[in-house]
Amino acid sequence: MKSIINIPAEFQNTAAIFIALGDEHRQRILLAFEKGEKLNILQLVSTTTLSRTAVTHHIKVLHQAGVLNSEKKGKEVYFWINGATVIDAMQRVLTYIKNET
């Protein structure tokens, strides 16, 4: 058994993504998006039983983790899945597991 003092480079900056993806409500929000789709808060609220406040909180967590991108158009903010960031984080962890375990 080896002692881990520093987080391997492959795992760095992945904690927030995995925390964001670990919540079932946030998973359901992500599942609401169709490929390439951009949705605003009201559209996302309509896909769930959660309150607007709760959806806003979950969107904030996903956005801060880099799982969602956003763009403001007029008064509305639209969100979409940042697939490249999520895929990169998962691939780095999978590569580490494959090569080091």
N, C-alpha and C. Protein backbone atom coordinates (compact mmCIF):
# COMPACT_ATOMS: atom_id res chain seq x y z
N MET A 1 0.86 -1.18 0.00
CA MET A 1 0.00 0.00 0.00
C MET A 1 0.90 1.23 0.00
N LYS A 2 0.56 2.18 -0.89
CA LYS A 2 1.36 3.40 -0.96
C LYS A 2 0.64 4.55 -0.27
N SER A 3 1.42 5.45 0.24
CA SER A 3 0.87 6.63 0.90
C SER A 3 0.65 7.72 -0.15
N ILE A 4 -0.51 8.34 -0.11
CA ILE A 4 -0.83 9.40 -1.06
C ILE A 4 -0.78 10.74 -0.34
N ILE A 5 0.16 11.55 -0.72
CA ILE A 5 0.29 12.88 -0.14
C ILE A 5 -0.31 13.92 -1.08
N ASN A 6 0.01 13.77 -2.35
CA ASN A 6 -0.49 14.70 -3.36
C ASN A 6 -1.49 13.98 -4.26
N ILE A 7 -2.49 14.70 -4.68
CA ILE A 7 -3.48 14.16 -5.61
C ILE A 7 -2.81 14.02 -6.97
N PRO A 8 -2.95 12.86 -7.62
CA PRO A 8 -2.35 12.69 -8.95
C PRO A 8 -2.90 13.73 -9.93
N ALA A 9 -2.09 14.12 -10.88
CA ALA A 9 -2.49 15.14 -11.86
C ALA A 9 -3.79 14.76 -12.56
N GLU A 10 -3.98 13.45 -12.80
CA GLU A 10 -5.19 13.00 -13.49
C GLU A 10 -6.46 13.28 -12.69
N PHE A 11 -6.33 13.39 -11.38
CA PHE A 11 -7.48 13.62 -10.52
C PHE A 11 -7.68 15.10 -10.18
N GLN A 12 -6.68 15.92 -10.43
CA GLN A 12 -6.78 17.33 -10.07
C GLN A 12 -7.92 17.99 -10.85
N ASN A 13 -8.63 18.85 -10.20
CA ASN A 13 -9.74 19.60 -10.77
C ASN A 13 -10.92 18.73 -11.18
N THR A 14 -11.00 17.52 -10.66
CA THR A 14 -12.15 16.66 -10.98
C THR A 14 -13.14 16.56 -9.83
N ALA A 15 -12.73 16.92 -8.63
CA ALA A 15 -13.60 16.75 -7.47
C ALA A 15 -14.92 17.49 -7.63
N ALA A 16 -14.87 18.74 -8.06
CA ALA A 16 -16.11 19.52 -8.21
C ALA A 16 -17.04 18.90 -9.24
N ILE A 17 -16.47 18.36 -10.30
CA ILE A 17 -17.29 17.73 -11.35
C ILE A 17 -17.98 16.50 -10.80
N PHE A 18 -17.22 15.65 -10.09
CA PHE A 18 -17.82 14.43 -9.56
C PHE A 18 -18.83 14.73 -8.45
N ILE A 19 -18.57 15.75 -7.65
CA ILE A 19 -19.55 16.16 -6.64
C ILE A 19 -20.82 16.64 -7.33
N ALA A 20 -20.67 17.46 -8.36
CA ALA A 20 -21.84 17.97 -9.08
C ALA A 20 -22.63 16.84 -9.72
N LEU A 21 -21.93 15.86 -10.27
CA LEU A 21 -22.61 14.76 -10.95
C LEU A 21 -23.15 13.72 -9.97
N GLY A 22 -22.73 13.79 -8.71
CA GLY A 22 -23.13 12.79 -7.73
C GLY A 22 -24.53 12.96 -7.16
N ASP A 23 -25.17 14.08 -7.43
CA ASP A 23 -26.51 14.34 -6.88
C ASP A 23 -27.58 13.93 -7.89
N GLU A 24 -28.57 13.18 -7.44
CA GLU A 24 -29.63 12.69 -8.35
C GLU A 24 -30.43 13.81 -8.99
N HIS A 25 -30.68 14.89 -8.25
CA HIS A 25 -31.43 16.01 -8.84
C HIS A 25 -30.63 16.63 -9.98
N ARG A 26 -29.33 16.78 -9.77
CA ARG A 26 -28.50 17.36 -10.83
C ARG A 26 -28.39 16.40 -12.02
N GLN A 27 -28.37 15.12 -11.75
CA GLN A 27 -28.37 14.14 -12.84
C GLN A 27 -29.65 14.27 -13.67
N ARG A 28 -30.79 14.43 -13.00
CA ARG A 28 -32.06 14.59 -13.72
C ARG A 28 -32.07 15.87 -14.55
N ILE A 29 -31.49 16.93 -14.00
CA ILE A 29 -31.42 18.19 -14.75
C ILE A 29 -30.59 17.98 -16.01
N LEU A 30 -29.47 17.30 -15.90
CA LEU A 30 -28.64 17.05 -17.08
C LEU A 30 -29.36 16.19 -18.10
N LEU A 31 -30.14 15.23 -17.62
CA LEU A 31 -30.89 14.36 -18.53
C LEU A 31 -32.00 15.10 -19.28
N ALA A 32 -32.36 16.29 -18.80
CA ALA A 32 -33.40 17.08 -19.47
C ALA A 32 -32.90 17.67 -20.79
N PHE A 33 -31.58 17.80 -20.93
CA PHE A 33 -31.01 18.38 -22.14
C PHE A 33 -30.98 17.35 -23.26
N GLU A 34 -31.42 17.78 -24.44
CA GLU A 34 -31.22 16.97 -25.62
C GLU A 34 -29.90 17.40 -26.24
N LYS A 35 -29.37 16.59 -27.11
CA LYS A 35 -28.06 16.87 -27.72
C LYS A 35 -28.03 18.27 -28.33
N GLY A 36 -27.05 19.06 -27.89
CA GLY A 36 -26.85 20.41 -28.43
C GLY A 36 -27.86 21.44 -27.96
N GLU A 37 -28.75 21.08 -27.05
CA GLU A 37 -29.83 21.97 -26.63
C GLU A 37 -29.35 22.96 -25.57
N LYS A 38 -29.91 24.17 -25.64
CA LYS A 38 -29.69 25.21 -24.64
C LYS A 38 -31.03 25.49 -23.97
N LEU A 39 -31.03 25.46 -22.63
CA LEU A 39 -32.26 25.67 -21.87
C LEU A 39 -32.07 26.76 -20.83
N ASN A 40 -33.16 27.51 -20.55
CA ASN A 40 -33.11 28.51 -19.49
C ASN A 40 -33.69 27.91 -18.21
N ILE A 41 -33.66 28.67 -17.14
CA ILE A 41 -34.10 28.18 -15.84
C ILE A 41 -35.56 27.73 -15.89
N LEU A 42 -36.43 28.53 -16.49
CA LEU A 42 -37.85 28.16 -16.53
C LEU A 42 -38.08 26.86 -17.28
N GLN A 43 -37.36 26.67 -18.35
CA GLN A 43 -37.47 25.41 -19.09
C GLN A 43 -36.99 24.24 -18.24
N LEU A 44 -35.92 24.43 -17.49
CA LEU A 44 -35.41 23.37 -16.64
C LEU A 44 -36.35 23.09 -15.47
N VAL A 45 -36.93 24.14 -14.90
CA VAL A 45 -37.89 23.97 -13.80
C VAL A 45 -39.07 23.12 -14.28
N SER A 46 -39.49 23.32 -15.52
CA SER A 46 -40.65 22.60 -16.04
C SER A 46 -40.40 21.10 -16.21
N THR A 47 -39.13 20.69 -16.16
CA THR A 47 -38.81 19.26 -16.34
C THR A 47 -38.71 18.52 -15.02
N THR A 48 -38.91 19.20 -13.90
CA THR A 48 -38.68 18.59 -12.60
C THR A 48 -39.77 18.98 -11.61
N THR A 49 -39.80 18.31 -10.49
CA THR A 49 -40.74 18.66 -9.42
C THR A 49 -40.12 19.63 -8.43
N LEU A 50 -38.90 20.03 -8.67
CA LEU A 50 -38.20 20.95 -7.77
C LEU A 50 -38.68 22.38 -7.96
N SER A 51 -38.50 23.19 -6.92
CA SER A 51 -38.83 24.61 -7.02
C SER A 51 -37.80 25.33 -7.87
N ARG A 52 -38.17 26.51 -8.30
CA ARG A 52 -37.22 27.32 -9.09
C ARG A 52 -35.96 27.59 -8.28
N THR A 53 -36.11 27.85 -7.00
CA THR A 53 -34.95 28.10 -6.13
C THR A 53 -34.03 26.90 -6.08
N ALA A 54 -34.61 25.71 -5.96
CA ALA A 54 -33.80 24.49 -5.90
C ALA A 54 -33.09 24.24 -7.23
N VAL A 55 -33.81 24.42 -8.33
CA VAL A 55 -33.20 24.22 -9.65
C VAL A 55 -32.07 25.24 -9.85
N THR A 56 -32.30 26.47 -9.45
CA THR A 56 -31.27 27.50 -9.56
C THR A 56 -30.02 27.10 -8.78
N HIS A 57 -30.21 26.57 -7.58
CA HIS A 57 -29.07 26.11 -6.78
C HIS A 57 -28.31 25.00 -7.50
N HIS A 58 -29.02 24.01 -8.01
CA HIS A 58 -28.37 22.89 -8.69
C HIS A 58 -27.66 23.35 -9.97
N ILE A 59 -28.26 24.27 -10.69
CA ILE A 59 -27.64 24.83 -11.89
C ILE A 59 -26.34 25.54 -11.51
N LYS A 60 -26.37 26.27 -10.42
CA LYS A 60 -25.18 26.99 -9.95
C LYS A 60 -24.04 26.01 -9.65
N VAL A 61 -24.35 24.91 -8.97
CA VAL A 61 -23.33 23.89 -8.66
C VAL A 61 -22.76 23.31 -9.95
N LEU A 62 -23.63 22.95 -10.88
CA LEU A 62 -23.20 22.38 -12.16
C LEU A 62 -22.36 23.38 -12.96
N HIS A 63 -22.77 24.63 -12.94
CA HIS A 63 -22.06 25.67 -13.69
C HIS A 63 -20.69 25.93 -13.07
N GLN A 64 -20.63 26.07 -11.75
CA GLN A 64 -19.36 26.33 -11.09
C GLN A 64 -18.37 25.18 -11.26
N ALA A 65 -18.88 23.97 -11.38
CA ALA A 65 -18.01 22.80 -11.58
C ALA A 65 -17.54 22.68 -13.03
N GLY A 66 -18.14 23.47 -13.92
CA GLY A 66 -17.77 23.41 -15.33
C GLY A 66 -18.57 22.41 -16.14
N VAL A 67 -19.59 21.81 -15.51
CA VAL A 67 -20.43 20.83 -16.20
C VAL A 67 -21.37 21.53 -17.18
N LEU A 68 -21.79 22.74 -16.83
CA LEU A 68 -22.66 23.53 -17.71
C LEU A 68 -21.96 24.80 -18.14
N ASN A 69 -22.19 25.19 -19.37
CA ASN A 69 -21.81 26.50 -19.88
C ASN A 69 -23.06 27.37 -19.87
N SER A 70 -22.86 28.68 -19.96
CA SER A 70 -24.01 29.58 -20.00
C SER A 70 -23.76 30.75 -20.93
N GLU A 71 -24.88 31.33 -21.35
CA GLU A 71 -24.83 32.51 -22.22
C GLU A 71 -26.08 33.34 -21.94
N LYS A 72 -25.88 34.63 -21.74
CA LYS A 72 -27.02 35.52 -21.50
C LYS A 72 -27.48 36.09 -22.83
N LYS A 73 -28.79 35.95 -23.08
CA LYS A 73 -29.42 36.52 -24.26
C LYS A 73 -30.58 37.38 -23.78
N GLY A 74 -30.42 38.69 -23.86
CA GLY A 74 -31.44 39.59 -23.32
C GLY A 74 -31.51 39.41 -21.81
N LYS A 75 -32.70 39.12 -21.31
CA LYS A 75 -32.89 38.91 -19.87
C LYS A 75 -32.72 37.45 -19.47
N GLU A 76 -32.63 36.57 -20.43
CA GLU A 76 -32.55 35.13 -20.15
C GLU A 76 -31.11 34.63 -20.18
N VAL A 77 -30.84 33.65 -19.32
CA VAL A 77 -29.56 32.97 -19.33
C VAL A 77 -29.83 31.54 -19.78
N TYR A 78 -29.13 31.12 -20.80
CA TYR A 78 -29.29 29.77 -21.34
C TYR A 78 -28.09 28.92 -20.94
N PHE A 79 -28.37 27.67 -20.63
CA PHE A 79 -27.35 26.72 -20.19
C PHE A 79 -27.29 25.55 -21.15
N TRP A 80 -26.11 24.95 -21.28
CA TRP A 80 -25.95 23.73 -22.05
C TRP A 80 -24.81 22.93 -21.43
N ILE A 81 -24.81 21.65 -21.72
CA ILE A 81 -23.81 20.75 -21.14
C ILE A 81 -22.46 20.97 -21.79
N ASN A 82 -21.46 21.10 -20.95
CA ASN A 82 -20.08 21.25 -21.39
C ASN A 82 -19.46 19.85 -21.47
N GLY A 83 -19.83 19.14 -22.51
CA GLY A 83 -19.42 17.75 -22.66
C GLY A 83 -17.92 17.56 -22.66
N ALA A 84 -17.18 18.46 -23.27
CA ALA A 84 -15.73 18.31 -23.36
C ALA A 84 -15.09 18.28 -21.98
N THR A 85 -15.54 19.13 -21.08
CA THR A 85 -14.97 19.18 -19.73
C THR A 85 -15.28 17.90 -18.97
N VAL A 86 -16.52 17.44 -19.05
CA VAL A 86 -16.92 16.23 -18.33
C VAL A 86 -16.18 15.02 -18.89
N ILE A 87 -16.12 14.91 -20.20
CA ILE A 87 -15.43 13.78 -20.84
C ILE A 87 -13.95 13.79 -20.47
N ASP A 88 -13.33 14.96 -20.49
CA ASP A 88 -11.91 15.07 -20.15
C ASP A 88 -11.65 14.60 -18.72
N ALA A 89 -12.47 15.05 -17.77
CA ALA A 89 -12.28 14.66 -16.37
C ALA A 89 -12.44 13.15 -16.20
N MET A 90 -13.46 12.60 -16.79
CA MET A 90 -13.69 11.16 -16.66
C MET A 90 -12.58 10.37 -17.35
N GLN A 91 -12.14 10.84 -18.51
CA GLN A 91 -11.09 10.14 -19.23
C GLN A 91 -9.78 10.14 -18.45
N ARG A 92 -9.46 11.27 -17.82
CA ARG A 92 -8.23 11.33 -17.03
C ARG A 92 -8.27 10.36 -15.86
N VAL A 93 -9.41 10.28 -15.19
CA VAL A 93 -9.54 9.34 -14.07
C VAL A 93 -9.49 7.90 -14.57
N LEU A 94 -10.18 7.60 -15.66
CA LEU A 94 -10.16 6.25 -16.22
C LEU A 94 -8.75 5.85 -16.65
N THR A 95 -8.04 6.77 -17.26
CA THR A 95 -6.67 6.48 -17.68
C THR A 95 -5.79 6.18 -16.48
N TYR A 96 -5.94 6.96 -15.43
CA TYR A 96 -5.16 6.71 -14.21
C TYR A 96 -5.48 5.33 -13.64
N ILE A 97 -6.75 5.02 -13.54
CA ILE A 97 -7.16 3.71 -13.00
C ILE A 97 -6.61 2.59 -13.88
N LYS A 98 -6.71 2.75 -15.17
CA LYS A 98 -6.24 1.71 -16.10
C LYS A 98 -4.74 1.49 -15.98
N ASN A 99 -3.98 2.59 -15.86
CA ASN A 99 -2.52 2.49 -15.88
C ASN A 99 -1.90 2.28 -14.50
N GLU A 100 -2.59 2.66 -13.44
CA GLU A 100 -1.96 2.64 -12.12
C GLU A 100 -2.56 1.65 -11.13
N THR A 101 -3.62 0.97 -11.51
CA THR A 101 -4.22 0.02 -10.56
C THR A 101 -4.19 -1.39 -11.10
